[in-house]
Amino acid sequence: MSPPRVLLTTYHHAYLKKAGGEFEIFSISEKLKRHGMIADIYGPLSRGLESYDVVLHFSVHGGGLDLLRYIHDQGKPIALWPNLWLNRPANDIGQMVRAYTDLANVVIFKSSAEQTMFSSQFDLPADKVRRVITQADPVYQKPAPAGLFPALYGLDRYVIGVGIIEPNKNQLSVIRALKGRDIKLVLIGGHRDTQYYRTCQAEGGNDVLFIEALPARSELMRSALRESRLFIECSHEPPGLSAIEAGLAGCQLVLSESPWSREHFGDLVQYCDPNSLDSIRNAIDVSLTKAPGSQALSQHLVQYCADESIERLVHILADIAA
């Protein structure tokens, strides 16, 4: 049997401001293609729906529901990848999320923590649940030319954060926690919330370098991570794929305490309470006393680069397409 032809979809305005979720879609598409599959991202250059055997839909954002209803009405099987984390009851979006799960043949989770959170909020039939593990790119373990990023931006000691700049990612607290520590903060990512971004700029001043984007997987990005003193993500949601990539590159990590973080990183990183500046400061100070680089963490995270991380997804898609 030939592998299924896959169409990857999401809500219609996702790519107007790309962040971690959108780059994850690109990454999954490339990994599926390397396994010999047709795996197109929906858009003007994708084929007609009849050319695909299965649809893999990312997110439960309301903007994608009409698209998924149309796909369902055309008889195409759907695998739903929610990419959802909630810290409070989901009363306002419960009906919408249930509409998504009703349309889906299977719902895919990348961690036990995510599945547990989702199941506590929504009534999801057990026979729809599927599990894969987070899929990272092994290229982040590949060395980059020494000094490339620091030389380009005129940096010496710095810590780094990667991700869209927004209140939920909590970069403003990191800026405040680093005041007086005589170390540069590099924030790589765009923004949707202009007021929050300007507040971060004003409070950060010359102590913060804002970079809109660096090419994913590139030598420049790998150099930026590898030569930082630590990677920090003190968000109000679990860290994203960028934290795993930073760990693979050899960074020390400071992350928000959460079941997702513990599941992926164990005791190999420093944890903090994102609502406490003292907690963030303490985690930073402890990390800065350690030697740069974290070989134990990098070796631990190799499991997310293994072929099994994508083969399980391939099996799920093939199963519902049959």
Protein backbone atom coordinates (compact mmCIF):
# COMPACT_ATOMS: atom_id res chain seq x y z
CA MET A 1 0.00 0.00 0.00
CA SER A 2 1.36 3.43 -0.93
CA PRO A 3 1.68 6.04 1.84
CA PRO A 4 -1.26 8.44 2.23
CA ARG A 5 -1.23 11.80 0.55
CA VAL A 6 -1.59 14.43 3.27
CA LEU A 7 -2.94 17.98 3.23
CA LEU A 8 -1.89 20.11 6.23
CA THR A 9 -4.38 22.82 7.17
CA THR A 10 -4.91 25.43 9.88
CA TYR A 11 -7.01 28.55 10.43
CA HIS A 12 -7.05 30.98 7.53
CA HIS A 13 -5.01 33.90 8.94
CA ALA A 14 -2.34 31.90 10.79
CA TYR A 15 0.46 32.79 8.39
CA LEU A 16 -0.07 36.54 8.56
CA LYS A 17 2.13 36.51 11.68
CA LYS A 18 4.08 33.27 11.87
CA ALA A 19 5.08 31.94 15.28
CA GLY A 20 6.05 28.58 16.76
CA GLY A 21 2.88 26.77 15.71
CA GLU A 22 3.21 27.79 12.09
CA PHE A 23 6.88 26.81 11.92
CA GLU A 24 5.92 23.46 13.43
CA ILE A 25 3.54 22.90 10.50
CA PHE A 26 6.40 23.57 8.07
CA SER A 27 8.62 21.17 10.00
CA ILE A 28 6.03 18.36 10.05
CA SER A 29 5.45 18.77 6.32
CA GLU A 30 9.17 18.43 5.61
CA LYS A 31 9.51 15.38 7.85
CA LEU A 32 6.60 13.63 6.16
CA LYS A 33 8.11 14.39 2.76
CA ARG A 34 11.42 12.88 3.85
CA HIS A 35 9.44 9.70 4.55
CA GLY A 36 8.39 9.63 0.89
CA MET A 37 4.96 11.14 1.38
CA ILE A 38 3.08 13.88 -0.40
CA ALA A 39 2.52 16.39 2.42
CA ASP A 40 1.34 19.75 1.14
CA ILE A 41 0.41 22.80 3.19
CA TYR A 42 -2.98 24.19 2.17
CA GLY A 43 -2.80 27.31 0.07
CA PRO A 44 -2.80 28.57 -3.54
CA LEU A 45 -0.10 26.08 -4.54
CA SER A 46 -1.68 22.98 -2.98
CA ARG A 47 -3.66 20.54 -5.10
CA GLY A 48 -7.40 20.00 -5.13
CA LEU A 49 -8.87 18.23 -2.11
CA GLU A 50 -9.55 15.12 -4.19
CA SER A 51 -5.78 14.65 -4.57
CA TYR A 52 -5.34 13.88 -0.86
CA ASP A 53 -6.21 10.88 1.26
CA VAL A 54 -6.23 12.53 4.68
CA VAL A 55 -6.16 16.00 6.23
CA LEU A 56 -3.98 16.91 9.21
CA HIS A 57 -5.43 20.05 10.81
CA PHE A 58 -3.49 22.15 13.30
CA SER A 59 -5.15 24.25 16.03
CA VAL A 60 -8.71 24.65 17.29
CA HIS A 61 -8.79 28.36 16.47
CA GLY A 62 -12.26 29.41 15.32
CA GLY A 63 -11.01 30.65 11.98
CA GLY A 64 -10.47 27.10 10.70
CA LEU A 65 -13.83 25.56 11.57
CA ASP A 66 -15.64 26.34 8.31
CA LEU A 67 -12.73 24.89 6.33
CA LEU A 68 -12.79 21.70 8.36
CA ARG A 69 -16.57 21.37 7.99
CA TYR A 70 -16.19 21.56 4.23
CA ILE A 71 -13.43 18.93 4.28
CA HIS A 72 -15.58 16.69 6.46
CA ASP A 73 -18.57 17.09 4.12
CA GLN A 74 -16.36 15.96 1.23
CA GLY A 75 -15.74 12.69 3.07
CA LYS A 76 -12.06 13.20 3.81
CA PRO A 77 -10.74 11.71 7.07
CA ILE A 78 -9.37 14.28 9.50
CA ALA A 79 -6.59 14.07 12.08
CA LEU A 80 -6.80 17.00 14.51
CA TRP A 81 -3.67 18.35 16.20
CA PRO A 82 -5.15 20.78 18.78
CA ASN A 83 -1.97 22.55 19.98
CA LEU A 84 -4.03 23.89 22.88
CA TRP A 85 -3.11 24.66 26.47
CA LEU A 86 -5.51 26.19 28.97
CA ASN A 87 -4.81 27.40 32.49
CA ARG A 88 -8.46 28.03 33.35
CA PRO A 89 -11.86 26.49 32.52
CA ALA A 90 -12.64 26.70 28.83
CA ASN A 91 -16.26 27.82 29.14
CA ASP A 92 -15.90 30.43 26.40
CA ILE A 93 -14.46 28.08 23.76
CA GLY A 94 -15.86 24.74 24.88
CA GLN A 95 -18.57 24.54 22.21
CA MET A 96 -16.13 25.45 19.44
CA VAL A 97 -13.53 22.90 20.54
CA ARG A 98 -16.19 20.19 20.71
CA ALA A 99 -17.20 21.07 17.15
CA TYR A 100 -13.62 20.39 16.09
CA THR A 101 -13.35 17.09 17.91
CA ASP A 102 -16.71 15.95 16.51
CA LEU A 103 -15.41 16.52 12.97
CA ALA A 104 -12.11 14.71 13.59
CA ASN A 105 -11.53 10.98 13.16
CA VAL A 106 -8.64 11.16 15.63
CA VAL A 107 -7.20 13.80 17.97
CA ILE A 108 -3.42 13.79 18.34
CA PHE A 109 -1.51 14.82 21.46
CA LYS A 110 2.26 15.24 21.82
CA SER A 111 2.46 14.68 25.57
CA SER A 112 0.65 13.10 28.49
CA ALA A 113 0.38 16.55 30.05
CA GLU A 114 -1.44 17.97 27.03
CA GLN A 115 -3.78 14.98 26.83
CA THR A 116 -4.59 15.17 30.55
CA MET A 117 -5.29 18.91 30.36
CA PHE A 118 -7.50 18.50 27.28
CA SER A 119 -9.43 15.56 28.72
CA SER A 120 -10.11 17.48 31.93
CA GLN A 121 -11.72 20.29 29.93
CA PHE A 122 -13.50 18.50 27.09
CA ASP A 123 -15.50 15.31 26.67
CA LEU A 124 -13.31 13.44 24.18
CA PRO A 125 -14.08 9.79 23.30
CA ALA A 126 -11.11 7.60 24.23
CA ASP A 127 -11.17 5.81 20.87
CA LYS A 128 -10.31 9.08 19.11
CA VAL A 129 -7.17 9.75 21.16
CA ARG A 130 -3.75 9.18 19.59
CA ARG A 131 -0.30 9.96 20.97
CA VAL A 132 2.93 10.94 19.27
CA ILE A 133 5.97 12.62 20.79
CA THR A 134 7.23 16.08 19.99
CA GLN A 135 9.22 16.06 16.78
CA ALA A 136 12.42 18.09 16.80
CA ASP A 137 15.06 18.51 14.13
CA PRO A 138 18.48 16.94 14.82
CA VAL A 139 20.17 19.75 12.89
CA TYR A 140 20.18 21.77 16.14
CA GLN A 141 22.88 19.45 17.47
CA LYS A 142 25.11 20.34 14.53
CA PRO A 143 27.85 22.86 15.43
CA ALA A 144 27.78 26.32 13.88
CA PRO A 145 30.85 28.43 13.05
CA ALA A 146 32.36 29.71 16.30
CA GLY A 147 31.45 33.30 17.12
CA LEU A 148 29.12 33.75 14.13
CA PHE A 149 26.12 35.27 15.91
CA PRO A 150 27.98 37.26 18.61
CA ALA A 151 30.30 38.79 16.01
CA LEU A 152 27.45 39.77 13.71
CA TYR A 153 25.54 41.56 16.47
CA GLY A 154 28.49 42.79 18.56
CA LEU A 155 27.62 40.72 21.62
CA ASP A 156 29.61 39.26 24.48
CA ARG A 157 27.57 37.66 27.29
CA TYR A 158 23.88 37.28 26.56
CA VAL A 159 20.82 35.20 27.34
CA ILE A 160 18.27 34.39 24.67
CA GLY A 161 14.53 33.89 24.22
CA VAL A 162 12.79 32.77 21.04
CA GLY A 163 9.10 33.23 20.31
CA ILE A 164 6.44 35.76 19.48
CA ILE A 165 6.51 38.68 21.91
CA GLU A 166 3.16 38.78 23.70
CA PRO A 167 1.76 38.87 27.25
CA ASN A 168 1.23 35.12 27.38
CA LYS A 169 4.93 34.58 26.62
CA ASN A 170 5.75 36.95 29.49
CA GLN A 171 8.93 38.53 28.10
CA LEU A 172 8.30 41.69 30.11
CA SER A 173 8.82 39.78 33.35
CA VAL A 174 12.11 38.40 32.01
CA ILE A 175 13.23 41.94 31.11
CA ARG A 176 12.43 43.10 34.64
CA ALA A 177 14.08 40.08 36.25
CA LEU A 178 17.34 40.71 34.37
CA LYS A 179 17.67 44.37 35.34
CA GLY A 180 20.99 45.04 37.05
CA ARG A 181 22.55 41.72 36.05
CA ASP A 182 24.89 43.22 33.42
CA ILE A 183 23.97 40.73 30.75
CA LYS A 184 22.23 41.35 27.43
CA LEU A 185 18.84 39.80 26.67
CA VAL A 186 18.29 38.80 23.03
CA LEU A 187 14.65 38.30 22.04
CA ILE A 188 14.06 36.71 18.65
CA GLY A 189 10.49 36.92 17.44
CA GLY A 190 7.79 39.11 15.94
CA HIS A 191 4.80 40.58 17.73
CA ARG A 192 1.04 40.93 17.35
CA ASP A 193 0.39 43.09 20.41
CA THR A 194 2.03 46.42 19.55
CA GLN A 195 1.40 48.01 22.94
CA TYR A 196 3.02 45.12 24.80
CA TYR A 197 5.97 45.12 22.40
CA ARG A 198 6.54 48.85 22.91
CA THR A 199 6.39 48.41 26.68
CA CYS A 200 9.05 45.70 26.40
CA GLN A 201 11.20 48.01 24.28
CA ALA A 202 10.80 50.92 26.69
CA GLU A 203 11.64 48.90 29.80
CA GLY A 204 14.41 46.94 28.12
CA GLY A 205 16.21 49.92 26.65
CA ASN A 206 19.78 49.17 25.65
CA ASP A 207 19.80 45.97 27.71
CA VAL A 208 17.60 44.13 25.21
CA LEU A 209 18.26 43.33 21.56
CA PHE A 210 15.08 42.68 19.58
CA ILE A 211 15.45 40.63 16.39
CA GLU A 212 12.34 40.08 14.28
CA ALA A 213 13.43 36.67 13.00
CA LEU A 214 16.37 34.42 12.20
CA PRO A 215 16.19 31.61 9.64
CA ALA A 216 15.04 28.40 11.32
CA ARG A 217 17.64 25.60 11.38
CA SER A 218 20.31 27.96 10.00
CA GLU A 219 23.91 28.27 11.18
CA LEU A 220 23.04 31.74 12.44
CA MET A 221 20.19 30.48 14.60
CA ARG A 222 22.22 27.55 15.89
CA SER A 223 25.09 29.90 16.72
CA ALA A 224 22.70 32.26 18.54
CA LEU A 225 21.50 29.41 20.73
CA ARG A 226 24.78 27.59 21.26
CA GLU A 227 26.75 30.68 22.33
CA SER A 228 24.17 32.12 24.70
CA ARG A 229 24.65 31.78 28.45
CA LEU A 230 21.14 30.39 28.73
CA PHE A 231 17.78 30.12 26.96
CA ILE A 232 14.82 31.48 28.90
CA GLU A 233 11.07 31.01 28.39
CA CYS A 234 8.96 31.99 31.40
CA SER A 235 5.60 31.91 29.65
CA HIS A 236 2.14 31.34 31.09
CA GLU A 237 1.82 28.25 28.90
CA PRO A 238 4.20 25.33 28.44
CA PRO A 239 7.40 26.09 26.49
CA GLY A 240 7.35 25.30 22.79
CA LEU A 241 9.51 23.44 20.33
CA SER A 242 12.09 26.24 20.50
CA ALA A 243 13.00 25.17 24.05
CA ILE A 244 13.73 21.63 22.87
CA GLU A 245 15.78 23.02 19.97
CA ALA A 246 17.75 25.20 22.39
CA GLY A 247 18.41 22.20 24.61
CA LEU A 248 19.59 20.19 21.63
CA ALA A 249 21.96 23.04 20.77
CA GLY A 250 23.49 22.76 24.23
CA CYS A 251 21.84 25.66 26.06
CA GLN A 252 21.14 25.86 29.74
CA LEU A 253 17.36 26.35 30.07
CA VAL A 254 15.19 28.40 32.41
CA LEU A 255 11.55 27.42 31.92
CA SER A 256 8.17 27.89 33.53
CA GLU A 257 7.22 25.10 35.90
CA SER A 258 4.50 22.95 34.32
CA PRO A 259 3.62 19.26 33.83
CA TRP A 260 4.63 19.61 30.16
CA SER A 261 8.05 20.97 31.09
CA ARG A 262 8.67 18.23 33.65
CA GLU A 263 7.61 15.56 31.17
CA HIS A 264 10.07 16.74 28.53
CA PHE A 265 13.03 18.05 30.55
CA GLY A 266 12.89 16.27 33.90
CA ASP A 267 15.35 17.72 36.42
CA LEU A 268 17.84 18.87 33.76
CA VAL A 269 16.69 22.52 33.63
CA GLN A 270 15.93 25.33 36.07
CA TYR A 271 12.24 25.97 36.69
CA CYS A 272 10.50 29.14 37.79
CA ASP A 273 7.08 30.54 38.59
CA PRO A 274 6.24 32.93 35.72
CA ASN A 275 4.15 35.05 38.10
CA SER A 276 7.08 35.71 40.47
CA LEU A 277 9.99 37.98 39.56
CA ASP A 278 11.95 36.60 42.51
CA SER A 279 11.47 33.06 41.22
CA ILE A 280 12.59 34.05 37.72
CA ARG A 281 15.62 35.89 39.11
CA ASN A 282 16.63 32.95 41.25
CA ALA A 283 16.38 30.49 38.33
CA ILE A 284 18.48 32.81 36.16
CA ASP A 285 21.13 33.25 38.87
CA VAL A 286 21.41 29.51 39.47
CA SER A 287 21.78 28.85 35.73
CA LEU A 288 24.40 31.56 35.27
CA THR A 289 26.62 29.90 37.89
CA LYS A 290 26.83 26.77 35.74
CA ALA A 291 29.30 26.26 32.93
CA PRO A 292 27.86 27.06 29.47
CA GLY A 293 26.54 24.10 27.54
CA SER A 294 24.50 21.16 28.73
CA GLN A 295 25.58 17.86 27.19
CA ALA A 296 23.36 15.80 29.49
CA LEU A 297 20.28 17.75 28.43
CA SER A 298 21.18 17.54 24.75
CA GLN A 299 21.61 13.78 24.98
CA HIS A 300 18.30 13.45 26.84
CA LEU A 301 16.47 15.35 24.09
CA VAL A 302 17.81 13.21 21.24
CA GLN A 303 14.73 10.99 21.65
CA TYR A 304 12.65 13.75 20.05
CA CYS A 305 14.76 13.58 16.91
CA ALA A 306 14.46 9.80 16.41
CA ASP A 307 12.63 8.39 13.41
CA GLU A 308 10.01 6.93 15.75
CA SER A 309 8.81 10.47 16.47
CA ILE A 310 7.53 10.82 12.88
CA GLU A 311 6.84 7.15 12.10
CA ARG A 312 4.11 7.07 14.73
CA LEU A 313 2.41 10.02 13.01
CA VAL A 314 2.77 8.33 9.61
CA HIS A 315 1.10 5.21 11.02
CA ILE A 316 -1.82 7.24 12.45
CA LEU A 317 -2.43 9.03 9.16
CA ALA A 318 -2.20 5.82 7.14
CA ASP A 319 -4.63 4.09 9.50
CA ILE A 320 -7.46 6.63 9.14
CA ALA A 321 -6.83 7.05 5.39
CA ALA A 322 -7.23 3.30 4.73
